[in-house]
Protein backbone atom coordinates (compact mmCIF):
# COMPACT_ATOMS: atom_id res chain seq x y z
CA ILE A 1 104.00 86.70 99.65
CA LEU A 2 100.82 87.41 97.68
CA ASP A 3 97.79 85.16 97.93
CA THR A 4 96.13 85.10 94.50
CA HIS A 5 93.44 83.10 92.74
CA ASP A 6 96.13 81.01 91.05
CA GLY A 7 98.40 80.44 94.02
CA ILE A 8 100.86 82.12 96.32
CA GLY A 9 103.25 84.40 94.46
CA LEU A 10 106.93 84.22 95.36
CA MET A 11 108.49 86.83 93.10
CA GLY A 12 107.55 89.72 95.39
CA VAL A 13 109.66 88.40 98.27
CA LYS A 14 112.88 87.79 96.35
CA GLU A 15 114.40 91.04 97.59
CA ILE A 16 112.87 90.75 101.07
CA LEU A 17 113.43 87.20 102.34
CA PRO A 18 116.75 85.36 102.14
CA LYS A 19 116.95 82.38 99.81
CA GLU A 20 116.98 79.95 102.74
CA GLU A 21 113.64 81.21 104.06
CA ILE A 22 112.03 81.04 100.62
CA GLU A 23 113.25 77.47 100.26
CA PHE A 24 111.80 76.65 103.70
CA ILE A 25 108.40 78.06 102.69
CA ILE A 26 108.44 76.00 99.50
CA GLN A 27 109.41 72.85 101.41
CA LYS A 28 106.61 73.26 103.96
CA ALA A 29 104.09 74.03 101.23
CA GLU A 30 105.05 70.88 99.32
CA GLU A 31 104.75 68.83 102.50
CA ASN A 32 101.21 70.20 102.82
CA GLY A 33 100.27 69.18 99.27
CA ALA A 34 101.24 72.21 97.20
CA LEU A 35 102.60 72.13 93.66
CA ILE A 36 105.41 74.51 92.67
CA SER A 37 105.52 76.32 89.33
CA TYR A 38 108.89 77.30 87.87
CA LYS A 39 110.10 79.67 85.19
CA MET A 40 113.29 79.69 83.15
CA THR A 41 115.78 82.43 84.01
CA VAL A 42 118.13 84.19 81.60
CA ASP A 43 120.96 81.85 82.59
CA ARG A 44 118.78 78.84 81.67
CA THR A 45 118.09 77.67 85.21
CA GLU A 46 114.70 77.06 86.74
CA GLU A 47 113.43 79.44 89.41
CA PRO A 48 110.28 78.93 91.54
CA TYR A 49 107.78 81.73 91.04
CA GLU A 50 104.48 80.41 92.37
CA ILE A 51 103.14 77.99 95.00
CA ASN A 52 99.96 76.41 93.65
CA THR A 53 97.74 75.61 96.60
CA THR A 54 94.65 76.72 98.42
CA TRP A 55 95.37 78.79 101.52
CA TRP A 56 93.70 76.19 103.75
CA SER A 57 96.05 73.45 102.54
CA ALA A 58 99.06 75.75 102.77
CA VAL A 59 98.30 76.36 106.45
CA ASN A 60 96.88 73.01 107.58
CA GLY A 61 97.93 70.47 104.97
CA ASP A 62 95.81 68.13 102.88
CA HIS A 63 95.80 65.28 105.40
CA ALA A 64 95.98 66.93 108.81
CA GLU A 65 94.83 64.77 111.74
CA GLU A 66 94.39 67.62 114.21
CA ALA A 67 91.01 68.57 115.64
CA MET A 68 88.98 70.59 113.16
CA ASP A 69 88.40 73.47 115.57
CA LEU A 70 92.17 73.90 115.95
CA GLN A 71 92.69 73.86 112.18
CA VAL A 72 89.95 76.45 111.74
CA LYS A 73 91.46 78.63 114.45
CA ARG A 74 94.90 78.46 112.82
CA TYR A 75 93.41 79.27 109.44
CA LEU A 76 91.46 82.28 110.69
CA ALA A 77 94.53 83.55 112.51
CA SER A 78 96.49 83.49 109.25
CA ARG A 79 93.68 85.19 107.36
CA SER A 80 93.18 87.83 110.04
CA ILE A 81 96.58 89.34 109.25
CA ALA A 82 95.40 90.30 105.77
CA LEU A 83 92.33 91.91 107.32
CA VAL A 84 94.21 94.20 109.70
CA ILE A 85 97.10 95.53 107.62
CA GLN A 86 96.77 98.50 105.29
CA GLY A 87 94.97 98.03 102.01
CA VAL A 88 91.98 96.05 100.78
CA PRO A 89 92.24 92.28 101.32
CA GLY A 90 91.40 89.97 98.43
CA LEU A 91 89.13 87.17 99.63
CA TYR A 92 88.40 84.53 97.02
CA VAL A 93 85.54 82.06 97.30
CA HIS A 94 87.81 79.08 97.99
CA GLY A 95 89.48 81.11 100.71
CA VAL A 96 86.17 82.03 102.35
CA ILE A 97 84.93 78.43 102.48
CA GLY A 98 88.33 76.94 103.32
CA SER A 99 88.74 74.63 100.32
CA SER A 100 91.48 72.01 100.34
CA ASN A 101 93.67 71.22 97.35
CA ASP A 102 92.00 69.18 94.60
CA HIS A 103 94.63 67.12 92.82
CA GLU A 104 92.25 65.24 90.51
CA PRO A 105 91.94 68.09 87.96
CA VAL A 106 95.73 68.36 87.84
CA ARG A 107 96.03 64.66 87.00
CA LYS A 108 93.59 65.20 84.13
CA THR A 109 94.92 68.47 82.71
CA GLY A 110 98.54 68.57 83.84
CA ILE A 111 98.00 72.21 84.82
CA ARG A 112 99.30 72.85 88.33
CA ARG A 113 97.10 75.88 88.89
CA ASP A 114 94.03 73.64 88.68
CA VAL A 115 94.83 72.32 92.17
CA ASN A 116 93.04 75.30 93.73
CA ARG A 117 90.25 75.66 91.19
CA ALA A 118 87.91 72.91 92.34
CA VAL A 119 84.28 73.08 91.25
CA ILE A 120 82.15 74.28 94.15
CA LYS A 121 78.98 72.24 94.63
CA VAL A 122 76.40 74.36 96.43
CA GLY A 123 74.39 71.36 97.60
CA GLU A 124 77.40 69.86 99.36
CA LEU A 125 78.16 73.19 101.02
CA ALA A 126 74.59 73.43 102.28
CA GLU A 127 74.83 69.98 103.84
CA SER A 128 78.24 70.64 105.34
CA VAL A 129 77.21 73.84 107.07
CA LYS A 130 74.45 71.91 108.90
CA ASP A 131 77.09 69.85 110.71
CA PRO A 132 78.16 71.96 113.73
CA GLY A 133 81.58 70.33 113.80
CA SER A 134 82.41 70.70 110.11
CA ARG A 135 85.03 73.03 108.72
CA LEU A 136 82.48 75.14 106.87
CA SER A 137 80.16 75.41 109.87
CA LEU A 138 83.00 76.55 112.13
CA LEU A 139 84.19 79.07 109.56
CA ALA A 140 80.64 80.38 109.13
CA ARG A 141 80.50 81.20 112.84
CA HIS A 142 83.66 83.29 112.85
CA TRP A 143 84.11 84.85 109.39
CA PRO A 144 81.07 87.18 109.67
CA VAL A 145 82.23 88.43 113.08
CA MET A 146 85.67 89.34 111.72
CA ASN A 147 84.39 90.86 108.50
CA LEU A 148 81.72 92.97 110.19
CA ALA A 149 84.16 94.21 112.83
CA ARG A 150 86.60 95.23 110.11
CA THR A 151 84.09 97.08 107.94
CA ARG A 152 82.52 98.91 110.89
CA GLU A 153 85.75 100.32 112.29
CA ARG A 154 87.17 103.50 110.77
CA ALA A 155 90.63 102.57 112.06
CA PHE A 156 90.74 99.81 109.42
CA HIS A 157 90.25 102.28 106.57
CA PRO A 158 92.67 101.48 103.69
CA GLN A 159 94.13 104.99 103.92
CA GLY A 160 94.50 104.85 107.69
CA ASP A 161 97.91 104.66 109.33
CA GLN A 162 99.51 101.51 110.65
CA LYS A 163 102.38 100.78 113.00
CA VAL A 164 103.75 97.24 113.29
CA LEU A 165 104.97 96.57 116.82
CA ALA A 166 107.77 94.07 117.52
CA ILE A 167 106.58 92.94 120.95
CA SER A 168 107.03 89.19 120.38
CA PRO A 169 108.19 86.94 117.51
CA ARG A 170 105.09 84.82 118.16
CA VAL A 171 102.54 87.62 118.16
CA PHE A 172 101.95 89.74 115.07
CA THR A 173 100.86 93.12 116.40
CA VAL A 174 99.78 96.19 114.48
CA LEU A 175 98.25 99.46 115.62
CA ARG A 176 95.76 100.82 113.10
CA THR A 177 94.65 104.45 113.14
CA SER A 178 91.81 106.11 111.25
CA PRO A 179 92.68 108.66 108.53
CA GLU A 180 91.51 111.41 110.90
CA GLY A 181 93.78 110.09 113.65
CA ASP A 182 90.98 109.86 116.21
CA ARG A 183 90.29 106.12 116.34
CA ASN A 184 92.57 103.18 117.04
CA ILE A 185 92.57 99.39 116.95
CA LEU A 186 95.35 97.27 118.42
CA ALA A 187 95.28 93.99 116.47
CA MET A 188 97.20 91.02 117.87
CA THR A 189 97.53 87.54 116.36
CA ASN A 190 99.29 84.64 118.04
CA VAL A 191 100.84 82.84 115.08
CA ALA A 192 102.23 80.03 117.24
CA GLY A 193 100.73 76.78 118.44
CA VAL A 194 101.54 77.61 122.06
CA ALA A 195 100.19 80.16 124.51
CA CYS A 196 102.06 83.45 124.65
CA SER A 197 101.97 86.25 127.23
CA VAL A 198 102.86 89.78 126.14
CA GLU A 199 103.21 93.14 127.85
CA LEU A 200 102.83 96.49 126.15
CA ARG A 201 103.52 99.92 127.61
CA LEU A 202 100.64 102.11 126.52
CA SER A 203 102.90 105.14 126.50
CA CYS A 204 104.58 103.57 123.46
CA LEU A 205 101.24 103.75 121.65
CA GLY A 206 100.45 107.28 122.72
CA ILE A 207 97.05 106.07 123.92
CA GLU A 208 96.47 106.50 127.63
CA LYS A 209 93.37 104.36 128.04
CA ASP A 210 93.14 101.73 130.77
CA ILE A 211 90.26 99.65 129.39
CA TRP A 212 90.39 97.88 126.04
CA ARG A 213 87.60 95.80 124.50
CA ASP A 214 88.09 92.97 122.03
CA LEU A 215 85.82 93.53 119.02
CA LEU A 216 85.72 89.80 118.26
CA SER A 217 84.93 88.26 121.64
CA GLY A 218 83.61 91.19 123.65
CA ARG A 219 86.17 90.57 126.40
CA THR A 220 87.74 93.54 128.13
CA PHE A 221 91.34 93.96 129.26
CA GLU A 222 92.50 96.46 131.87
CA ALA A 223 95.96 97.98 131.93
CA GLU A 224 97.86 98.02 135.20
CA SER A 225 100.26 100.90 135.90
CA GLY A 226 100.18 101.84 132.24
CA THR A 227 100.98 98.33 131.01
CA LEU A 228 98.61 96.10 129.07
CA LYS A 229 99.22 92.43 129.87
CA ILE A 230 97.57 89.80 127.70
CA THR A 231 97.89 86.02 127.42
CA LEU A 232 96.99 84.69 124.00
CA GLN A 233 96.17 81.03 123.56
CA PRO A 234 97.38 79.22 120.41
CA TYR A 235 96.25 81.12 117.31
CA ASP A 236 94.21 83.63 119.31
CA VAL A 237 93.18 86.82 117.53
CA VAL A 238 92.18 89.97 119.41
CA TRP A 239 91.25 93.35 117.97
CA LEU A 240 91.41 95.73 120.89
CA LYS A 241 89.63 99.07 120.91
CA PRO A 242 90.22 101.58 123.72
CA VAL A 243 87.11 102.20 125.78
CA PRO A 244 86.41 105.93 126.36
CA ASP A 245 86.32 107.03 129.98
CA ALA A 246 83.45 109.02 131.47
CA HIS A 247 84.91 112.20 129.98
CA GLY A 248 85.26 110.67 126.51
């Protein structure tokens, strides 16, 4: 699924996801306030091709009653996946500031894509960021940390290697390696709303380092008997970098 300025594209997953899963995604998006665009097929039937929504609303909904810090954590977890996989992530302004859907323009124009094209008022943003509990203020604390960590690490280079590891259905895990093959980042994202404990044999990574440091929090994790054990709280994100020993 491709996150674009106009919405979330569906055509790219037609040959990847089964019809039932695509329908589930559409249903959840609509429940969260999204509008679906359709196109006419050659047999004269309508086929969904785009989910018109901001990413914030797609993840959290337009009228969520959960604590804001939890919504922000879920949102950043979803966005972190685009930051760690191969390629160059596209971050649009509404995605950076976490805009919700704006249905008023759609009612005026009838154009579904207008739902995620709200006019950004700089003055309102400036006031919002002053509130330590606001969505924008919370995002402003974490986005720079993630973006700086990504740009500073050679292992996240677009031409670097990646290996997706199936260690848990709740934890998206990818090992990134620099183009030169000398630097690594183990990125883990808990995509579930519950805590999850995972174990990873370091021999499977080919990296025999006992100490790993999280680039985002500064915490360190120590492997025991060659196994890295980590408990991730709901929507936790860790980018682990092996710490060189005294001999490098």
